[in-house]
Amino acid sequence: MRFLEASHGSPLYQAAVELRTESLRQPLGLTFSDDQLAEEVNDYHIVAIDSDHDDPAAMVACLTLSPVPGHPTQLHLRQMAVAKSERRKGVGSQLMDFAENFARARDITEIKLHSRYHAIPFYQKIGYHPVGDPFIEVTLPHQEMRKSL
C-alpha cells in the first residue's frame, strides 16, 4: 500500500472524488457541485493506492486536509473514505497515520474533524477526543473530535 498527496484536478484527485461521492455522498442523495470541488484547490488530498504505480484505478482510500482560517497550525480533516473491499483491514488507520505525519511535516500541531457518529470509536482508538456536543451535519449526527500532534 502506498500513501501520497494527490494534486487538485489530477487523475488521482478525480478518483478520490469518485470514492468520496460513492461512499459518503450518494447514500445521502448528495453530490458535489463544481463550486464545492473548486473550493478544494488549497486543500491537501491524501490517497492510498494498492499499486506500485500512480494508477487511479488502484486508489482504495482517501481524505482531505483543509487549512483552518485564522489557525495556521491546525488542519480540518474531511471526507475520509475507504473502499468497501478494504474496510476493516487497517487501511484507514494507516491512512490516518500518514496524514498525521504529513501534517507534522508542515508544522501542524492539531487536527480536528467532524466524525459521523458510527465512526467515533475508530477515531478514539487512534487518539482523537470528542469536543463539545453532538450536532447534525449533512442530515447525520456528528461529533467534533481533535488530536494534538
N, C-alpha and C. Protein backbone atom coordinates (compact mmCIF):
# COMPACT_ATOMS: atom_id res chain seq x y z
N MET A 1 0.86 -1.18 0.00
CA MET A 1 0.00 0.00 0.00
C MET A 1 0.90 1.23 0.00
N ARG A 2 0.60 2.18 -0.86
CA ARG A 2 1.33 3.44 -0.93
C ARG A 2 0.39 4.59 -0.57
N PHE A 3 0.95 5.59 0.10
CA PHE A 3 0.19 6.77 0.51
C PHE A 3 0.89 7.99 -0.06
N LEU A 4 0.12 8.90 -0.64
CA LEU A 4 0.71 10.09 -1.23
C LEU A 4 -0.32 11.20 -1.37
N GLU A 5 0.19 12.40 -1.67
CA GLU A 5 -0.68 13.54 -1.91
C GLU A 5 -1.08 13.56 -3.37
N ALA A 6 -2.35 13.78 -3.62
CA ALA A 6 -2.87 13.91 -4.99
C ALA A 6 -3.13 15.38 -5.27
N SER A 7 -2.61 15.88 -6.36
CA SER A 7 -2.82 17.28 -6.73
C SER A 7 -4.27 17.51 -7.13
N HIS A 8 -4.80 18.66 -6.73
CA HIS A 8 -6.17 19.04 -7.09
C HIS A 8 -6.31 18.98 -8.61
N GLY A 9 -7.34 18.30 -9.08
CA GLY A 9 -7.59 18.20 -10.51
C GLY A 9 -6.90 17.05 -11.21
N SER A 10 -5.96 16.39 -10.54
CA SER A 10 -5.23 15.27 -11.14
C SER A 10 -6.13 14.03 -11.26
N PRO A 11 -5.70 13.03 -12.05
CA PRO A 11 -6.48 11.79 -12.11
C PRO A 11 -6.67 11.12 -10.74
N LEU A 12 -5.65 11.18 -9.87
CA LEU A 12 -5.81 10.61 -8.53
C LEU A 12 -6.83 11.39 -7.72
N TYR A 13 -6.82 12.72 -7.85
CA TYR A 13 -7.83 13.55 -7.17
C TYR A 13 -9.22 13.17 -7.68
N GLN A 14 -9.37 13.02 -8.99
CA GLN A 14 -10.68 12.67 -9.55
C GLN A 14 -11.14 11.31 -9.02
N ALA A 15 -10.22 10.36 -8.89
CA ALA A 15 -10.57 9.05 -8.33
C ALA A 15 -11.02 9.19 -6.87
N ALA A 16 -10.36 10.09 -6.13
CA ALA A 16 -10.75 10.33 -4.74
C ALA A 16 -12.15 10.95 -4.67
N VAL A 17 -12.44 11.88 -5.56
CA VAL A 17 -13.78 12.48 -5.60
C VAL A 17 -14.82 11.40 -5.87
N GLU A 18 -14.50 10.48 -6.79
CA GLU A 18 -15.44 9.39 -7.09
C GLU A 18 -15.67 8.51 -5.87
N LEU A 19 -14.60 8.17 -5.15
CA LEU A 19 -14.75 7.34 -3.95
C LEU A 19 -15.53 8.08 -2.87
N ARG A 20 -15.23 9.35 -2.66
CA ARG A 20 -15.97 10.15 -1.68
C ARG A 20 -17.44 10.25 -2.05
N THR A 21 -17.73 10.43 -3.33
CA THR A 21 -19.12 10.51 -3.79
C THR A 21 -19.84 9.20 -3.52
N GLU A 22 -19.21 8.09 -3.93
CA GLU A 22 -19.82 6.77 -3.77
C GLU A 22 -20.02 6.40 -2.31
N SER A 23 -19.02 6.66 -1.48
CA SER A 23 -19.06 6.22 -0.07
C SER A 23 -19.82 7.16 0.85
N LEU A 24 -19.68 8.46 0.62
CA LEU A 24 -20.18 9.44 1.58
C LEU A 24 -21.39 10.25 1.09
N ARG A 25 -21.44 10.56 -0.17
CA ARG A 25 -22.47 11.46 -0.68
C ARG A 25 -23.70 10.74 -1.22
N GLN A 26 -23.50 9.78 -2.13
CA GLN A 26 -24.64 9.12 -2.76
C GLN A 26 -25.58 8.47 -1.76
N PRO A 27 -25.08 7.82 -0.69
CA PRO A 27 -26.03 7.24 0.27
C PRO A 27 -26.98 8.27 0.90
N LEU A 28 -26.58 9.54 0.87
CA LEU A 28 -27.42 10.60 1.43
C LEU A 28 -28.17 11.37 0.34
N GLY A 29 -28.03 10.92 -0.90
CA GLY A 29 -28.68 11.62 -2.01
C GLY A 29 -27.98 12.92 -2.37
N LEU A 30 -26.69 13.03 -2.05
CA LEU A 30 -25.94 14.26 -2.30
C LEU A 30 -24.90 14.04 -3.38
N THR A 31 -24.49 15.13 -4.00
CA THR A 31 -23.39 15.12 -4.96
C THR A 31 -22.51 16.33 -4.65
N PHE A 32 -21.38 16.43 -5.34
CA PHE A 32 -20.53 17.61 -5.23
C PHE A 32 -20.87 18.57 -6.36
N SER A 33 -20.92 19.84 -6.05
CA SER A 33 -21.08 20.85 -7.10
C SER A 33 -19.69 21.22 -7.61
N ASP A 34 -19.64 21.80 -8.79
CA ASP A 34 -18.37 22.27 -9.33
C ASP A 34 -17.75 23.30 -8.39
N ASP A 35 -18.58 24.14 -7.77
CA ASP A 35 -18.07 25.16 -6.84
C ASP A 35 -17.44 24.51 -5.60
N GLN A 36 -18.08 23.47 -5.07
CA GLN A 36 -17.53 22.79 -3.90
C GLN A 36 -16.16 22.19 -4.22
N LEU A 37 -16.03 21.59 -5.37
CA LEU A 37 -14.75 20.99 -5.75
C LEU A 37 -13.70 22.07 -6.04
N ALA A 38 -14.11 23.18 -6.61
CA ALA A 38 -13.17 24.28 -6.87
C ALA A 38 -12.63 24.85 -5.56
N GLU A 39 -13.44 24.83 -4.50
CA GLU A 39 -13.01 25.35 -3.19
C GLU A 39 -11.93 24.48 -2.57
N GLU A 40 -11.71 23.27 -3.08
CA GLU A 40 -10.72 22.37 -2.51
C GLU A 40 -9.31 22.59 -3.08
N VAL A 41 -9.14 23.60 -3.89
CA VAL A 41 -7.86 23.81 -4.58
C VAL A 41 -6.70 24.02 -3.61
N ASN A 42 -6.94 24.58 -2.44
CA ASN A 42 -5.87 24.82 -1.46
C ASN A 42 -5.79 23.74 -0.38
N ASP A 43 -6.58 22.70 -0.52
CA ASP A 43 -6.56 21.59 0.43
C ASP A 43 -5.49 20.57 0.04
N TYR A 44 -5.17 19.71 1.01
CA TYR A 44 -4.27 18.58 0.76
C TYR A 44 -5.16 17.35 0.57
N HIS A 45 -4.91 16.61 -0.49
CA HIS A 45 -5.70 15.42 -0.80
C HIS A 45 -4.77 14.21 -0.69
N ILE A 46 -5.03 13.39 0.31
CA ILE A 46 -4.18 12.24 0.61
C ILE A 46 -4.90 10.98 0.14
N VAL A 47 -4.17 10.12 -0.57
CA VAL A 47 -4.78 8.90 -1.10
C VAL A 47 -3.94 7.68 -0.75
N ALA A 48 -4.59 6.53 -0.71
CA ALA A 48 -3.92 5.23 -0.55
C ALA A 48 -4.11 4.47 -1.85
N ILE A 49 -2.99 3.96 -2.37
CA ILE A 49 -3.02 3.24 -3.64
C ILE A 49 -2.47 1.84 -3.43
N ASP A 50 -3.20 0.86 -3.91
CA ASP A 50 -2.77 -0.53 -3.83
C ASP A 50 -2.06 -0.90 -5.13
N SER A 51 -0.93 -0.22 -5.38
CA SER A 51 -0.17 -0.42 -6.61
C SER A 51 1.20 0.23 -6.48
N ASP A 52 2.14 -0.21 -7.27
CA ASP A 52 3.46 0.42 -7.30
C ASP A 52 3.46 1.66 -8.20
N HIS A 53 2.38 1.86 -8.93
CA HIS A 53 2.27 2.99 -9.85
C HIS A 53 1.15 3.91 -9.39
N ASP A 54 1.15 5.13 -9.88
CA ASP A 54 0.11 6.10 -9.51
C ASP A 54 -1.14 5.87 -10.36
N ASP A 55 -1.70 4.69 -10.22
CA ASP A 55 -2.86 4.27 -11.01
C ASP A 55 -4.15 4.64 -10.27
N PRO A 56 -4.93 5.57 -10.83
CA PRO A 56 -6.17 5.96 -10.17
C PRO A 56 -7.12 4.78 -9.90
N ALA A 57 -7.07 3.77 -10.76
CA ALA A 57 -7.95 2.61 -10.57
C ALA A 57 -7.57 1.80 -9.34
N ALA A 58 -6.35 1.99 -8.83
CA ALA A 58 -5.88 1.25 -7.65
C ALA A 58 -6.03 2.05 -6.36
N MET A 59 -6.67 3.22 -6.44
CA MET A 59 -6.87 4.06 -5.25
C MET A 59 -7.96 3.43 -4.38
N VAL A 60 -7.65 3.17 -3.09
CA VAL A 60 -8.59 2.46 -2.22
C VAL A 60 -9.05 3.27 -1.01
N ALA A 61 -8.44 4.42 -0.76
CA ALA A 61 -8.85 5.25 0.37
C ALA A 61 -8.36 6.67 0.15
N CYS A 62 -9.03 7.60 0.80
CA CYS A 62 -8.64 9.00 0.63
C CYS A 62 -9.17 9.83 1.80
N LEU A 63 -8.60 11.01 1.92
CA LEU A 63 -9.10 12.00 2.86
C LEU A 63 -8.61 13.37 2.40
N THR A 64 -9.21 14.40 2.94
CA THR A 64 -8.85 15.78 2.61
C THR A 64 -8.47 16.49 3.90
N LEU A 65 -7.40 17.27 3.84
CA LEU A 65 -6.96 18.11 4.95
C LEU A 65 -7.09 19.56 4.51
N SER A 66 -7.93 20.31 5.20
CA SER A 66 -8.20 21.70 4.84
C SER A 66 -7.58 22.65 5.86
N PRO A 67 -6.94 23.72 5.38
CA PRO A 67 -6.47 24.75 6.31
C PRO A 67 -7.65 25.35 7.08
N VAL A 68 -7.41 25.72 8.32
CA VAL A 68 -8.45 26.34 9.15
C VAL A 68 -8.14 27.84 9.20
N PRO A 69 -9.01 28.67 8.62
CA PRO A 69 -8.74 30.12 8.62
C PRO A 69 -8.48 30.64 10.03
N GLY A 70 -7.41 31.42 10.17
CA GLY A 70 -7.08 32.01 11.45
C GLY A 70 -6.31 31.09 12.39
N HIS A 71 -6.10 29.84 11.98
CA HIS A 71 -5.40 28.86 12.82
C HIS A 71 -4.34 28.15 11.97
N PRO A 72 -3.19 28.79 11.78
CA PRO A 72 -2.18 28.25 10.86
C PRO A 72 -1.55 26.93 11.28
N THR A 73 -1.74 26.50 12.52
CA THR A 73 -1.16 25.22 12.95
C THR A 73 -2.23 24.14 13.13
N GLN A 74 -3.40 24.35 12.54
CA GLN A 74 -4.49 23.39 12.64
C GLN A 74 -5.01 23.04 11.24
N LEU A 75 -5.34 21.78 11.04
CA LEU A 75 -6.00 21.34 9.82
C LEU A 75 -7.32 20.69 10.17
N HIS A 76 -8.27 20.77 9.24
CA HIS A 76 -9.57 20.13 9.38
C HIS A 76 -9.58 18.92 8.45
N LEU A 77 -9.62 17.73 9.03
CA LEU A 77 -9.69 16.51 8.25
C LEU A 77 -11.13 16.30 7.82
N ARG A 78 -11.33 16.10 6.53
CA ARG A 78 -12.69 15.94 5.99
C ARG A 78 -12.74 14.78 5.00
N GLN A 79 -13.91 14.27 4.80
CA GLN A 79 -14.21 13.38 3.69
C GLN A 79 -13.30 12.16 3.62
N MET A 80 -13.07 11.52 4.75
CA MET A 80 -12.30 10.27 4.72
C MET A 80 -13.19 9.15 4.19
N ALA A 81 -12.67 8.42 3.22
CA ALA A 81 -13.43 7.32 2.64
C ALA A 81 -12.49 6.15 2.36
N VAL A 82 -12.97 4.95 2.63
CA VAL A 82 -12.23 3.72 2.34
C VAL A 82 -13.14 2.84 1.49
N ALA A 83 -12.59 2.30 0.40
CA ALA A 83 -13.37 1.42 -0.46
C ALA A 83 -13.93 0.24 0.36
N LYS A 84 -15.14 -0.17 0.04
CA LYS A 84 -15.78 -1.26 0.79
C LYS A 84 -14.89 -2.50 0.88
N SER A 85 -14.18 -2.81 -0.19
CA SER A 85 -13.34 -4.01 -0.22
C SER A 85 -12.14 -3.92 0.72
N GLU A 86 -11.80 -2.72 1.18
CA GLU A 86 -10.63 -2.53 2.03
C GLU A 86 -10.96 -2.20 3.48
N ARG A 87 -12.23 -2.10 3.80
CA ARG A 87 -12.62 -1.76 5.17
C ARG A 87 -12.28 -2.89 6.14
N ARG A 88 -11.91 -2.49 7.35
CA ARG A 88 -11.56 -3.41 8.44
C ARG A 88 -10.27 -4.19 8.15
N LYS A 89 -9.41 -3.63 7.31
CA LYS A 89 -8.11 -4.25 7.00
C LYS A 89 -6.95 -3.37 7.46
N GLY A 90 -7.25 -2.28 8.16
CA GLY A 90 -6.19 -1.41 8.65
C GLY A 90 -5.81 -0.26 7.73
N VAL A 91 -6.43 -0.19 6.56
CA VAL A 91 -6.09 0.86 5.60
C VAL A 91 -6.44 2.24 6.17
N GLY A 92 -7.57 2.36 6.83
CA GLY A 92 -7.97 3.65 7.40
C GLY A 92 -6.99 4.13 8.45
N SER A 93 -6.55 3.24 9.32
CA SER A 93 -5.57 3.61 10.35
C SER A 93 -4.24 4.01 9.72
N GLN A 94 -3.82 3.27 8.70
CA GLN A 94 -2.57 3.61 8.02
C GLN A 94 -2.68 4.96 7.31
N LEU A 95 -3.82 5.21 6.69
CA LEU A 95 -4.05 6.49 6.01
C LEU A 95 -4.00 7.64 7.01
N MET A 96 -4.62 7.44 8.17
CA MET A 96 -4.60 8.47 9.20
C MET A 96 -3.19 8.71 9.71
N ASP A 97 -2.43 7.66 9.90
CA ASP A 97 -1.04 7.80 10.36
C ASP A 97 -0.23 8.60 9.34
N PHE A 98 -0.39 8.29 8.07
CA PHE A 98 0.31 9.03 7.02
C PHE A 98 -0.12 10.50 7.04
N ALA A 99 -1.42 10.75 7.14
CA ALA A 99 -1.93 12.13 7.14
C ALA A 99 -1.39 12.92 8.33
N GLU A 100 -1.31 12.29 9.49
CA GLU A 100 -0.79 12.99 10.67
C GLU A 100 0.69 13.31 10.51
N ASN A 101 1.47 12.39 9.96
CA ASN A 101 2.89 12.67 9.71
C ASN A 101 3.05 13.74 8.64
N PHE A 102 2.20 13.71 7.63
CA PHE A 102 2.18 14.72 6.58
C PHE A 102 1.94 16.10 7.21
N ALA A 103 0.97 16.15 8.13
CA ALA A 103 0.65 17.41 8.82
C ALA A 103 1.81 17.88 9.70
N ARG A 104 2.39 16.98 10.47
CA ARG A 104 3.53 17.34 11.33
C ARG A 104 4.67 17.94 10.51
N ALA A 105 4.92 17.39 9.33
CA ALA A 105 5.99 17.89 8.47
C ALA A 105 5.72 19.32 7.99
N ARG A 106 4.50 19.78 8.14
CA ARG A 106 4.10 21.14 7.77
C ARG A 106 3.83 22.00 9.00
N ASP A 107 4.39 21.59 10.13
CA ASP A 107 4.29 22.32 11.40
C ASP A 107 2.86 22.45 11.92
N ILE A 108 2.02 21.48 11.60
CA ILE A 108 0.66 21.44 12.13
C ILE A 108 0.72 20.76 13.49
N THR A 109 0.03 21.34 14.46
CA THR A 109 0.05 20.79 15.82
C THR A 109 -1.29 20.19 16.25
N GLU A 110 -2.34 20.38 15.44
CA GLU A 110 -3.64 19.81 15.79
C GLU A 110 -4.46 19.53 14.54
N ILE A 111 -5.16 18.39 14.58
CA ILE A 111 -6.12 18.05 13.54
C ILE A 111 -7.49 17.97 14.20
N LYS A 112 -8.46 18.59 13.56
CA LYS A 112 -9.85 18.46 14.02
C LYS A 112 -10.64 17.81 12.91
N LEU A 113 -11.76 17.20 13.27
CA LEU A 113 -12.62 16.55 12.29
C LEU A 113 -14.03 16.49 12.82
N HIS A 114 -14.97 16.25 11.93
CA HIS A 114 -16.37 16.03 12.29
C HIS A 114 -16.67 14.57 11.97
N SER A 115 -16.72 13.75 12.99
CA SER A 115 -16.93 12.31 12.81
C SER A 115 -18.41 11.98 12.73
N ARG A 116 -18.77 11.16 11.75
CA ARG A 116 -20.10 10.59 11.78
C ARG A 116 -20.17 9.73 13.05
N TYR A 117 -21.34 9.65 13.63
CA TYR A 117 -21.46 9.03 14.94
C TYR A 117 -20.92 7.60 14.98
N HIS A 118 -21.19 6.82 13.94
CA HIS A 118 -20.75 5.42 13.94
C HIS A 118 -19.23 5.29 13.86
N ALA A 119 -18.51 6.34 13.44
CA ALA A 119 -17.05 6.28 13.29
C ALA A 119 -16.30 6.78 14.53
N ILE A 120 -17.01 7.27 15.53
CA ILE A 120 -16.34 7.81 16.73
C ILE A 120 -15.37 6.79 17.35
N PRO A 121 -15.76 5.52 17.53
CA PRO A 121 -14.81 4.57 18.14
C PRO A 121 -13.51 4.43 17.33
N PHE A 122 -13.59 4.47 16.01
CA PHE A 122 -12.38 4.40 15.19
C PHE A 122 -11.44 5.55 15.52
N TYR A 123 -11.97 6.77 15.55
CA TYR A 123 -11.13 7.93 15.81
C TYR A 123 -10.61 7.94 17.26
N GLN A 124 -11.44 7.49 18.21
CA GLN A 124 -10.97 7.41 19.59
C GLN A 124 -9.82 6.43 19.72
N LYS A 125 -9.90 5.32 19.01
CA LYS A 125 -8.85 4.30 19.06
C LYS A 125 -7.50 4.85 18.61
N ILE A 126 -7.51 5.85 17.72
CA ILE A 126 -6.25 6.41 17.23
C ILE A 126 -5.93 7.77 17.85
N GLY A 127 -6.57 8.06 18.99
CA GLY A 127 -6.17 9.20 19.80
C GLY A 127 -6.95 10.49 19.67
N TYR A 128 -8.08 10.47 18.98
CA TYR A 128 -8.91 11.68 18.87
C TYR A 128 -9.89 11.73 20.04
N HIS A 129 -10.20 12.95 20.46
CA HIS A 129 -11.07 13.15 21.62
C HIS A 129 -12.26 14.02 21.24
N PRO A 130 -13.47 13.66 21.73
CA PRO A 130 -14.65 14.48 21.44
C PRO A 130 -14.51 15.89 22.03
N VAL A 131 -15.04 16.85 21.31
CA VAL A 131 -15.06 18.25 21.75
C VAL A 131 -16.48 18.76 21.57
N GLY A 132 -17.09 19.30 22.62
CA GLY A 132 -18.42 19.87 22.51
C GLY A 132 -19.51 18.83 22.39
N ASP A 133 -20.67 19.31 22.00
CA ASP A 133 -21.86 18.47 21.90
C ASP A 133 -22.02 17.92 20.49
N PRO A 134 -22.71 16.78 20.37
CA PRO A 134 -23.01 16.26 19.03
C PRO A 134 -23.87 17.27 18.25
N PHE A 135 -23.83 17.17 16.93
CA PHE A 135 -24.59 18.08 16.08
C PHE A 135 -24.97 17.34 14.79
N ILE A 136 -25.87 17.94 14.04
CA ILE A 136 -26.31 17.36 12.77
C ILE A 136 -25.57 18.07 11.64
N GLU A 137 -24.99 17.25 10.75
CA GLU A 137 -24.33 17.77 9.55
C GLU A 137 -24.68 16.83 8.41
N VAL A 138 -24.98 17.36 7.26
CA VAL A 138 -25.46 16.58 6.10
C VAL A 138 -26.47 15.51 6.53
N THR A 139 -27.41 15.91 7.35
CA THR A 139 -28.55 15.11 7.84
C THR A 139 -28.18 14.01 8.83
N LEU A 140 -26.91 13.89 9.25
CA LEU A 140 -26.49 12.81 10.15
C LEU A 140 -25.88 13.36 11.44
N PRO A 141 -26.02 12.61 12.56
CA PRO A 141 -25.35 13.01 13.79
C PRO A 141 -23.83 12.96 13.63
N HIS A 142 -23.16 13.99 14.10
CA HIS A 142 -21.70 14.10 14.06
C HIS A 142 -21.17 14.55 15.41
N GLN A 143 -19.89 14.33 15.62
CA GLN A 143 -19.19 14.78 16.82
C GLN A 143 -17.87 15.39 16.39
N GLU A 144 -17.61 16.64 16.84
CA GLU A 144 -16.29 17.20 16.57
C GLU A 144 -15.28 16.46 17.43
N MET A 145 -14.14 16.15 16.82
CA MET A 145 -13.06 15.46 17.53
C MET A 145 -11.75 16.13 17.16
N ARG A 146 -10.79 16.07 18.09
CA ARG A 146 -9.49 16.71 17.88
C ARG A 146 -8.37 15.83 18.40
N LYS A 147 -7.19 16.04 17.82
CA LYS A 147 -6.00 15.36 18.28
C LYS A 147 -4.82 16.32 18.17
N SER A 148 -4.07 16.44 19.27
CA SER A 148 -2.82 17.20 19.25
C SER A 148 -1.74 16.31 18.66
N LEU A 149 -0.97 16.88 17.78
CA LEU A 149 0.10 16.11 17.12
C LEU A 149 1.42 16.31 17.83
